[in-house]
PDB file of N, CA and C in Angstrom:
ATOM      1  N   MET A   1     -21.388 -29.784 -65.275  1.00  0.00           N
ATOM      2  CA  MET A   1     -22.468 -30.759 -65.168  1.00  0.00           C
ATOM      3  C   MET A   1     -23.561 -30.157 -64.291  1.00  0.00           C
ATOM      4  N   HIS A   2     -24.773 -30.266 -64.706  1.00  0.00           N
ATOM      5  CA  HIS A   2     -25.915 -29.770 -63.938  1.00  0.00           C
ATOM      6  C   HIS A   2     -26.297 -30.794 -62.880  1.00  0.00           C
ATOM      7  N   ASP A   3     -26.870 -30.314 -61.769  1.00  0.00           N
ATOM      8  CA  ASP A   3     -27.312 -31.215 -60.712  1.00  0.00           C
ATOM      9  C   ASP A   3     -28.282 -32.263 -61.230  1.00  0.00           C
ATOM     10  N   THR A   4     -29.148 -31.884 -62.175  1.00  0.00           N
ATOM     11  CA  THR A   4     -30.109 -32.857 -62.699  1.00  0.00           C
ATOM     12  C   THR A   4     -29.408 -33.980 -63.455  1.00  0.00           C
ATOM     13  N   ASP A   5     -28.241 -33.710 -64.034  1.00  0.00           N
ATOM     14  CA  ASP A   5     -27.472 -34.760 -64.695  1.00  0.00           C
ATOM     15  C   ASP A   5     -27.014 -35.801 -63.677  1.00  0.00           C
ATOM     16  N   LEU A   6     -26.714 -35.360 -62.467  1.00  0.00           N
ATOM     17  CA  LEU A   6     -26.255 -36.265 -61.418  1.00  0.00           C
ATOM     18  C   LEU A   6     -27.384 -37.134 -60.870  1.00  0.00           C
ATOM     19  N   GLU A   7     -28.610 -36.800 -61.198  1.00  0.00           N
ATOM     20  CA  GLU A   7     -29.761 -37.562 -60.722  1.00  0.00           C
ATOM     21  C   GLU A   7     -30.173 -38.657 -61.687  1.00  0.00           C
ATOM     22  N   ARG A   8     -29.475 -38.822 -62.782  1.00  0.00           N
ATOM     23  CA  ARG A   8     -29.786 -39.839 -63.782  1.00  0.00           C
ATOM     24  C   ARG A   8     -28.752 -40.967 -63.712  1.00  0.00           C
ATOM     25  N   PRO A   9     -29.183 -42.213 -63.859  1.00  0.00           N
ATOM     26  CA  PRO A   9     -28.221 -43.318 -63.889  1.00  0.00           C
ATOM     27  C   PRO A   9     -27.204 -43.141 -65.017  1.00  0.00           C
ATOM     28  N   LEU A  10     -25.987 -43.480 -64.735  1.00  0.00           N
ATOM     29  CA  LEU A  10     -24.888 -43.327 -65.687  1.00  0.00           C
ATOM     30  C   LEU A  10     -25.096 -44.184 -66.930  1.00  0.00           C
ATOM     31  N   ASP A  11     -25.747 -45.326 -66.774  1.00  0.00           N
ATOM     32  CA  ASP A  11     -25.929 -46.236 -67.912  1.00  0.00           C
ATOM     33  C   ASP A  11     -27.030 -45.789 -68.875  1.00  0.00           C
ATOM     34  N   GLY A  12     -27.687 -44.661 -68.583  1.00  0.00           N
ATOM     35  CA  GLY A  12     -28.712 -44.144 -69.477  1.00  0.00           C
ATOM     36  C   GLY A  12     -30.076 -44.789 -69.306  1.00  0.00           C
ATOM     37  N   SER A  13     -30.201 -45.710 -68.357  1.00  0.00           N
ATOM     38  CA  SER A  13     -31.495 -46.352 -68.143  1.00  0.00           C
ATOM     39  C   SER A  13     -32.485 -45.345 -67.564  1.00  0.00           C
ATOM     40  N   ALA A  14     -33.750 -45.636 -67.731  1.00  0.00           N
ATOM     41  CA  ALA A  14     -34.796 -44.753 -67.216  1.00  0.00           C
ATOM     42  C   ALA A  14     -34.839 -44.888 -65.694  1.00  0.00           C
ATOM     43  N   PRO A  15     -34.641 -43.789 -64.979  1.00  0.00           N
ATOM     44  CA  PRO A  15     -34.630 -43.868 -63.519  1.00  0.00           C
ATOM     45  C   PRO A  15     -36.041 -43.951 -62.949  1.00  0.00           C
ATOM     46  N   ASP A  16     -36.172 -44.645 -61.828  1.00  0.00           N
ATOM     47  CA  ASP A  16     -37.431 -44.594 -61.100  1.00  0.00           C
ATOM     48  C   ASP A  16     -37.295 -43.514 -60.017  1.00  0.00           C
ATOM     49  N   GLU A  17     -38.345 -43.305 -59.277  1.00  0.00           N
ATOM     50  CA  GLU A  17     -38.354 -42.266 -58.249  1.00  0.00           C
ATOM     51  C   GLU A  17     -37.238 -42.486 -57.221  1.00  0.00           C
ATOM     52  N   THR A  18     -36.966 -43.730 -56.890  1.00  0.00           N
ATOM     53  CA  THR A  18     -35.930 -44.052 -55.926  1.00  0.00           C
ATOM     54  C   THR A  18     -34.544 -43.722 -56.477  1.00  0.00           C
ATOM     55  N   ASP A  19     -34.290 -44.036 -57.741  1.00  0.00           N
ATOM     56  CA  ASP A  19     -33.006 -43.692 -58.369  1.00  0.00           C
ATOM     57  C   ASP A  19     -32.744 -42.189 -58.264  1.00  0.00           C
ATOM     58  N   ILE A  20     -33.740 -41.412 -58.600  1.00  0.00           N
ATOM     59  CA  ILE A  20     -33.593 -39.952 -58.585  1.00  0.00           C
ATOM     60  C   ILE A  20     -33.397 -39.446 -57.160  1.00  0.00           C
ATOM     61  N   SER A  21     -34.164 -39.966 -56.216  1.00  0.00           N
ATOM     62  CA  SER A  21     -34.042 -39.536 -54.820  1.00  0.00           C
ATOM     63  C   SER A  21     -32.667 -39.848 -54.252  1.00  0.00           C
ATOM     64  N   LEU A  22     -32.149 -41.029 -54.537  1.00  0.00           N
ATOM     65  CA  LEU A  22     -30.831 -41.403 -54.024  1.00  0.00           C
ATOM     66  C   LEU A  22     -29.749 -40.516 -54.618  1.00  0.00           C
ATOM     67  N   ARG A  23     -29.800 -40.284 -55.900  1.00  0.00           N
ATOM     68  CA  ARG A  23     -28.787 -39.447 -56.546  1.00  0.00           C
ATOM     69  C   ARG A  23     -28.902 -37.985 -56.093  1.00  0.00           C
ATOM     70  N   ALA A  24     -30.108 -37.513 -55.871  1.00  0.00           N
ATOM     71  CA  ALA A  24     -30.300 -36.153 -55.347  1.00  0.00           C
ATOM     72  C   ALA A  24     -29.764 -36.067 -53.922  1.00  0.00           C
ATOM     73  N   TYR A  25     -29.933 -37.119 -53.162  1.00  0.00           N
ATOM     74  CA  TYR A  25     -29.404 -37.191 -51.789  1.00  0.00           C
ATOM     75  C   TYR A  25     -27.890 -36.989 -51.806  1.00  0.00           C
ATOM     76  N   PHE A  26     -27.192 -37.693 -52.689  1.00  0.00           N
ATOM     77  CA  PHE A  26     -25.741 -37.552 -52.773  1.00  0.00           C
ATOM     78  C   PHE A  26     -25.336 -36.181 -53.301  1.00  0.00           C
ATOM     79  N   SER A  27     -26.163 -35.566 -54.123  1.00  0.00           N
ATOM     80  CA  SER A  27     -25.856 -34.231 -54.650  1.00  0.00           C
ATOM     81  C   SER A  27     -25.764 -33.190 -53.546  1.00  0.00           C
ATOM     82  N   ARG A  28     -26.411 -33.447 -52.435  1.00  0.00           N
ATOM     83  CA  ARG A  28     -26.367 -32.508 -51.314  1.00  0.00           C
ATOM     84  C   ARG A  28     -25.126 -32.682 -50.443  1.00  0.00           C
ATOM     85  N   PHE A  29     -24.344 -33.730 -50.668  1.00  0.00           N
ATOM     86  CA  PHE A  29     -23.109 -33.920 -49.908  1.00  0.00           C
ATOM     87  C   PHE A  29     -22.049 -32.956 -50.438  1.00  0.00           C
ATOM     88  N   SER A  30     -21.280 -32.383 -49.533  1.00  0.00           N
ATOM     89  CA  SER A  30     -20.184 -31.503 -49.952  1.00  0.00           C
ATOM     90  C   SER A  30     -19.056 -32.339 -50.546  1.00  0.00           C
ATOM     91  N   ASP A  31     -18.207 -31.689 -51.328  1.00  0.00           N
ATOM     92  CA  ASP A  31     -17.040 -32.378 -51.882  1.00  0.00           C
ATOM     93  C   ASP A  31     -16.176 -32.937 -50.753  1.00  0.00           C
ATOM     94  N   ASP A  32     -15.975 -32.146 -49.703  1.00  0.00           N
ATOM     95  CA  ASP A  32     -15.154 -32.605 -48.575  1.00  0.00           C
ATOM     96  C   ASP A  32     -15.745 -33.846 -47.930  1.00  0.00           C
ATOM     97  N   ARG A  33     -17.037 -33.859 -47.772  1.00  0.00           N
ATOM     98  CA  ARG A  33     -17.711 -35.024 -47.178  1.00  0.00           C
ATOM     99  C   ARG A  33     -17.516 -36.254 -48.059  1.00  0.00           C
ATOM    100  N   LEU A  34     -17.683 -36.092 -49.356  1.00  0.00           N
ATOM    101  CA  LEU A  34     -17.515 -37.228 -50.269  1.00  0.00           C
ATOM    102  C   LEU A  34     -16.074 -37.717 -50.303  1.00  0.00           C
ATOM    103  N   ARG A  35     -15.123 -36.825 -50.133  1.00  0.00           N
ATOM    104  CA  ARG A  35     -13.712 -37.241 -50.131  1.00  0.00           C
ATOM    105  C   ARG A  35     -13.363 -38.100 -48.915  1.00  0.00           C
ATOM    106  N   GLU A  36     -14.168 -38.019 -47.867  1.00  0.00           N
ATOM    107  CA  GLU A  36     -13.948 -38.852 -46.672  1.00  0.00           C
ATOM    108  C   GLU A  36     -14.219 -40.323 -46.960  1.00  0.00           C
ATOM    109  N   TYR A  37     -15.085 -40.598 -47.908  1.00  0.00           N
ATOM    110  CA  TYR A  37     -15.525 -41.967 -48.177  1.00  0.00           C
ATOM    111  C   TYR A  37     -14.354 -42.859 -48.561  1.00  0.00           C
ATOM    112  N   ASP A  38     -14.354 -44.053 -48.005  1.00  0.00           N
ATOM    113  CA  ASP A  38     -13.333 -45.055 -48.311  1.00  0.00           C
ATOM    114  C   ASP A  38     -14.044 -46.335 -48.757  1.00  0.00           C
ATOM    115  N   PRO A  39     -13.832 -46.761 -50.013  1.00  0.00           N
ATOM    116  CA  PRO A  39     -14.518 -47.973 -50.494  1.00  0.00           C
ATOM    117  C   PRO A  39     -14.176 -49.227 -49.685  1.00  0.00           C
ATOM    118  N   GLY A  40     -13.104 -49.186 -48.924  1.00  0.00           N
ATOM    119  CA  GLY A  40     -12.721 -50.336 -48.105  1.00  0.00           C
ATOM    120  C   GLY A  40     -13.455 -50.432 -46.780  1.00  0.00           C
ATOM    121  N   TRP A  41     -14.271 -49.430 -46.473  1.00  0.00           N
ATOM    122  CA  TRP A  41     -15.019 -49.471 -45.218  1.00  0.00           C
ATOM    123  C   TRP A  41     -15.963 -50.664 -45.166  1.00  0.00           C
ATOM    124  N   SER A  42     -16.138 -51.187 -43.971  1.00  0.00           N
ATOM    125  CA  SER A  42     -17.153 -52.222 -43.749  1.00  0.00           C
ATOM    126  C   SER A  42     -18.532 -51.581 -43.908  1.00  0.00           C
ATOM    127  N   ASP A  43     -19.539 -52.418 -44.075  1.00  0.00           N
ATOM    128  CA  ASP A  43     -20.903 -51.894 -44.164  1.00  0.00           C
ATOM    129  C   ASP A  43     -21.255 -51.105 -42.903  1.00  0.00           C
ATOM    130  N   GLU A  44     -20.838 -51.613 -41.757  1.00  0.00           N
ATOM    131  CA  GLU A  44     -21.136 -50.946 -40.497  1.00  0.00           C
ATOM    132  C   GLU A  44     -20.497 -49.555 -40.438  1.00  0.00           C
ATOM    133  N   ARG A  45     -19.256 -49.446 -40.905  1.00  0.00           N
ATOM    134  CA  ARG A  45     -18.568 -48.146 -40.905  1.00  0.00           C
ATOM    135  C   ARG A  45     -19.243 -47.177 -41.870  1.00  0.00           C
ATOM    136  N   LEU A  46     -19.660 -47.663 -43.021  1.00  0.00           N
ATOM    137  CA  LEU A  46     -20.340 -46.819 -43.995  1.00  0.00           C
ATOM    138  C   LEU A  46     -21.674 -46.322 -43.438  1.00  0.00           C
ATOM    139  N   ILE A  47     -22.412 -47.185 -42.787  1.00  0.00           N
ATOM    140  CA  ILE A  47     -23.684 -46.801 -42.171  1.00  0.00           C
ATOM    141  C   ILE A  47     -23.454 -45.747 -41.094  1.00  0.00           C
ATOM    142  N   GLU A  48     -22.412 -45.921 -40.327  1.00  0.00           N
ATOM    143  CA  GLU A  48     -22.057 -44.943 -39.290  1.00  0.00           C
ATOM    144  C   GLU A  48     -21.695 -43.596 -39.924  1.00  0.00           C
ATOM    145  N   TRP A  49     -20.903 -43.615 -40.991  1.00  0.00           N
ATOM    146  CA  TRP A  49     -20.478 -42.389 -41.682  1.00  0.00           C
ATOM    147  C   TRP A  49     -21.675 -41.625 -42.217  1.00  0.00           C
ATOM    148  N   ASP A  50     -22.618 -42.331 -42.818  1.00  0.00           N
ATOM    149  CA  ASP A  50     -23.786 -41.663 -43.386  1.00  0.00           C
ATOM    150  C   ASP A  50     -24.769 -41.246 -42.293  1.00  0.00           C
ATOM    151  N   SER A  51     -24.985 -42.097 -41.344  1.00  0.00           N
ATOM    152  CA  SER A  51     -25.885 -41.889 -40.193  1.00  0.00           C
ATOM    153  C   SER A  51     -27.349 -41.672 -40.569  1.00  0.00           C
ATOM    154  N   ASN A  52     -27.752 -42.156 -41.736  1.00  0.00           N
ATOM    155  CA  ASN A  52     -29.143 -42.002 -42.156  1.00  0.00           C
ATOM    156  C   ASN A  52     -29.764 -43.344 -42.579  1.00  0.00           C
ATOM    157  N   PHE A  53     -29.291 -44.411 -41.962  1.00  0.00           N
ATOM    158  CA  PHE A  53     -29.832 -45.738 -42.248  1.00  0.00           C
ATOM    159  C   PHE A  53     -30.787 -46.158 -41.141  1.00  0.00           C
ATOM    160  N   ARG A  54     -31.806 -46.882 -41.512  1.00  0.00           N
ATOM    161  CA  ARG A  54     -32.759 -47.416 -40.544  1.00  0.00           C
ATOM    162  C   ARG A  54     -32.154 -48.634 -39.855  1.00  0.00           C
ATOM    163  N   SER A  55     -32.797 -49.055 -38.787  1.00  0.00           N
ATOM    164  CA  SER A  55     -32.311 -50.217 -38.037  1.00  0.00           C
ATOM    165  C   SER A  55     -32.372 -51.504 -38.863  1.00  0.00           C
ATOM    166  N   ASP A  56     -33.204 -51.542 -39.914  1.00  0.00           N
ATOM    167  CA  ASP A  56     -33.279 -52.740 -40.763  1.00  0.00           C
ATOM    168  C   ASP A  56     -32.222 -52.746 -41.865  1.00  0.00           C
ATOM    169  N   GLY A  57     -31.359 -51.716 -41.906  1.00  0.00           N
ATOM    170  CA  GLY A  57     -30.255 -51.683 -42.857  1.00  0.00           C
ATOM    171  C   GLY A  57     -30.513 -50.942 -44.147  1.00  0.00           C
ATOM    172  N   ALA A  58     -31.699 -50.363 -44.326  1.00  0.00           N
ATOM    173  CA  ALA A  58     -32.010 -49.610 -45.543  1.00  0.00           C
ATOM    174  C   ALA A  58     -31.836 -48.116 -45.280  1.00  0.00           C
ATOM    175  N   LEU A  59     -31.473 -47.395 -46.323  1.00  0.00           N
ATOM    176  CA  LEU A  59     -31.310 -45.948 -46.216  1.00  0.00           C
ATOM    177  C   LEU A  59     -32.658 -45.294 -45.995  1.00  0.00           C
ATOM    178  N   MET A  60     -32.690 -44.297 -45.122  1.00  0.00           N
ATOM    179  CA  MET A  60     -33.918 -43.572 -44.838  1.00  0.00           C
ATOM    180  C   MET A  60     -34.037 -42.386 -45.795  1.00  0.00           C
ATOM    181  N   LEU A  61     -34.913 -42.522 -46.772  1.00  0.00           N
ATOM    182  CA  LEU A  61     -35.168 -41.452 -47.743  1.00  0.00           C
ATOM    183  C   LEU A  61     -36.661 -41.284 -47.935  1.00  0.00           C
ATOM    184  N   VAL A  62     -37.066 -40.064 -48.248  1.00  0.00           N
ATOM    185  CA  VAL A  62     -38.460 -39.826 -48.615  1.00  0.00           C
ATOM    186  C   VAL A  62     -38.592 -40.024 -50.119  1.00  0.00           C
ATOM    187  N   CYS A  63     -39.789 -40.175 -50.583  1.00  0.00           N
ATOM    188  CA  CYS A  63     -40.068 -40.343 -52.019  1.00  0.00           C
ATOM    189  C   CYS A  63     -39.353 -41.555 -52.606  1.00  0.00           C
ATOM    190  N   CYS A  64     -39.492 -42.676 -51.964  1.00  0.00           N
ATOM    191  CA  CYS A  64     -38.877 -43.905 -52.464  1.00  0.00           C
ATOM    192  C   CYS A  64     -39.937 -44.964 -52.706  1.00  0.00           C
ATOM    193  N   GLU A  65     -39.800 -45.641 -53.825  1.00  0.00           N
ATOM    194  CA  GLU A  65     -40.699 -46.742 -54.169  1.00  0.00           C
ATOM    195  C   GLU A  65     -40.186 -48.068 -53.636  1.00  0.00           C
ATOM    196  N   ARG A  66     -38.903 -48.090 -53.303  1.00  0.00           N
ATOM    197  CA  ARG A  66     -38.289 -49.340 -52.848  1.00  0.00           C
ATOM    198  C   ARG A  66     -37.179 -49.003 -51.853  1.00  0.00           C
ATOM    199  N   ASP A  67     -36.746 -49.990 -51.092  1.00  0.00           N
ATOM    200  CA  ASP A  67     -35.661 -49.797 -50.132  1.00  0.00           C
ATOM    201  C   ASP A  67     -34.316 -49.715 -50.850  1.00  0.00           C
ATOM    202  N   ILE A  68     -33.426 -48.928 -50.304  1.00  0.00           N
ATOM    203  CA  ILE A  68     -32.059 -48.830 -50.813  1.00  0.00           C
ATOM    204  C   ILE A  68     -31.162 -49.538 -49.808  1.00  0.00           C
ATOM    205  N   GLU A  69     -30.660 -50.677 -50.225  1.00  0.00           N
ATOM    206  CA  GLU A  69     -29.762 -51.467 -49.377  1.00  0.00           C
ATOM    207  C   GLU A  69     -28.327 -50.992 -49.579  1.00  0.00           C
ATOM    208  N   ILE A  70     -27.453 -51.440 -48.731  1.00  0.00           N
ATOM    209  CA  ILE A  70     -26.064 -50.959 -48.709  1.00  0.00           C
ATOM    210  C   ILE A  70     -25.325 -51.225 -50.024  1.00  0.00           C
ATOM    211  N   ALA A  71     -25.576 -52.333 -50.681  1.00  0.00           N
ATOM    212  CA  ALA A  71     -24.878 -52.641 -51.937  1.00  0.00           C
ATOM    213  C   ALA A  71     -25.212 -51.609 -53.014  1.00  0.00           C
ATOM    214  N   GLU A  72     -26.496 -51.300 -53.180  1.00  0.00           N
ATOM    215  CA  GLU A  72     -26.896 -50.283 -54.156  1.00  0.00           C
ATOM    216  C   GLU A  72     -26.352 -48.917 -53.749  1.00  0.00           C
ATOM    217  N   TYR A  73     -26.411 -48.614 -52.461  1.00  0.00           N
ATOM    218  CA  TYR A  73     -25.895 -47.349 -51.943  1.00  0.00           C
ATOM    219  C   TYR A  73     -24.438 -47.168 -52.365  1.00  0.00           C
ATOM    220  N   ARG A  74     -23.614 -48.200 -52.136  1.00  0.00           N
ATOM    221  CA  ARG A  74     -22.184 -48.118 -52.489  1.00  0.00           C
ATOM    222  C   ARG A  74     -21.987 -47.873 -53.987  1.00  0.00           C
ATOM    223  N   ILE A  75     -22.691 -48.611 -54.811  1.00  0.00           N
ATOM    224  CA  ILE A  75     -22.542 -48.485 -56.272  1.00  0.00           C
ATOM    225  C   ILE A  75     -22.859 -47.068 -56.717  1.00  0.00           C
ATOM    226  N   VAL A  76     -23.994 -46.563 -56.261  1.00  0.00           N
ATOM    227  CA  VAL A  76     -24.424 -45.232 -56.687  1.00  0.00           C
ATOM    228  C   VAL A  76     -23.526 -44.157 -56.080  1.00  0.00           C
ATOM    229  N   LEU A  77     -23.109 -44.319 -54.831  1.00  0.00           N
ATOM    230  CA  LEU A  77     -22.199 -43.352 -54.206  1.00  0.00           C
ATOM    231  C   LEU A  77     -20.879 -43.279 -54.968  1.00  0.00           C
ATOM    232  N   GLU A  78     -20.294 -44.413 -55.292  1.00  0.00           N
ATOM    233  CA  GLU A  78     -19.018 -44.420 -56.004  1.00  0.00           C
ATOM    234  C   GLU A  78     -19.164 -43.838 -57.405  1.00  0.00           C
ATOM    235  N   GLU A  79     -20.276 -44.126 -58.069  1.00  0.00           N
ATOM    236  CA  GLU A  79     -20.566 -43.520 -59.382  1.00  0.00           C
ATOM    237  C   GLU A  79     -20.682 -42.005 -59.234  1.00  0.00           C
ATOM    238  N   HIS A  80     -21.370 -41.561 -58.209  1.00  0.00           N
ATOM    239  CA  HIS A  80     -21.568 -40.137 -57.972  1.00  0.00           C
ATOM    240  C   HIS A  80     -20.233 -39.428 -57.722  1.00  0.00           C
ATOM    241  N   ILE A  81     -19.391 -40.025 -56.900  1.00  0.00           N
ATOM    242  CA  ILE A  81     -18.075 -39.442 -56.609  1.00  0.00           C
ATOM    243  C   ILE A  81     -17.266 -39.325 -57.904  1.00  0.00           C
ATOM    244  N   HIS A  82     -17.303 -40.369 -58.703  1.00  0.00           N
ATOM    245  CA  HIS A  82     -16.586 -40.350 -59.992  1.00  0.00           C
ATOM    246  C   HIS A  82     -17.111 -39.244 -60.908  1.00  0.00           C
ATOM    247  N   ARG A  83     -18.419 -39.145 -61.003  1.00  0.00           N
ATOM    248  CA  ARG A  83     -19.034 -38.137 -61.893  1.00  0.00           C
ATOM    249  C   ARG A  83     -18.726 -36.715 -61.437  1.00  0.00           C
ATOM    250  N   ARG A  84     -18.541 -36.519 -60.152  1.00  0.00           N
ATOM    251  CA  ARG A  84     -18.183 -35.200 -59.649  1.00  0.00           C
ATOM    252  C   ARG A  84     -16.691 -34.939 -59.743  1.00  0.00           C
ATOM    253  N   GLY A  85     -15.935 -35.931 -60.190  1.00  0.00           N
ATOM    254  CA  GLY A  85     -14.508 -35.750 -60.396  1.00  0.00           C
ATOM    255  C   GLY A  85     -13.693 -35.687 -59.130  1.00  0.00           C
ATOM    256  N   LEU A  86     -14.158 -36.402 -58.098  1.00  0.00           N
ATOM    257  CA  LEU A  86     -13.469 -36.360 -56.803  1.00  0.00           C
ATOM    258  C   LEU A  86     -12.576 -37.568 -56.604  1.00  0.00           C
TER     259      LEU A  86
END
């Protein structure tokens, strides 16, 4: 799978700039780092693990048209982990 494939939504919908940025963000995580993730973590634990969230609860990313809240973050992260076969 090419890295650009990981930047597209799994459902085939047309991605916006934020979709691509978030998926590219996860593409930079190592396999070992992604294996640490536990879907049972609280939102607070997940924010601590990532350490790139703003004080208002949104992920800090450049090139975003909209805020990425924790619920979307989890969905896309879990999809990304699955697509990488981890």
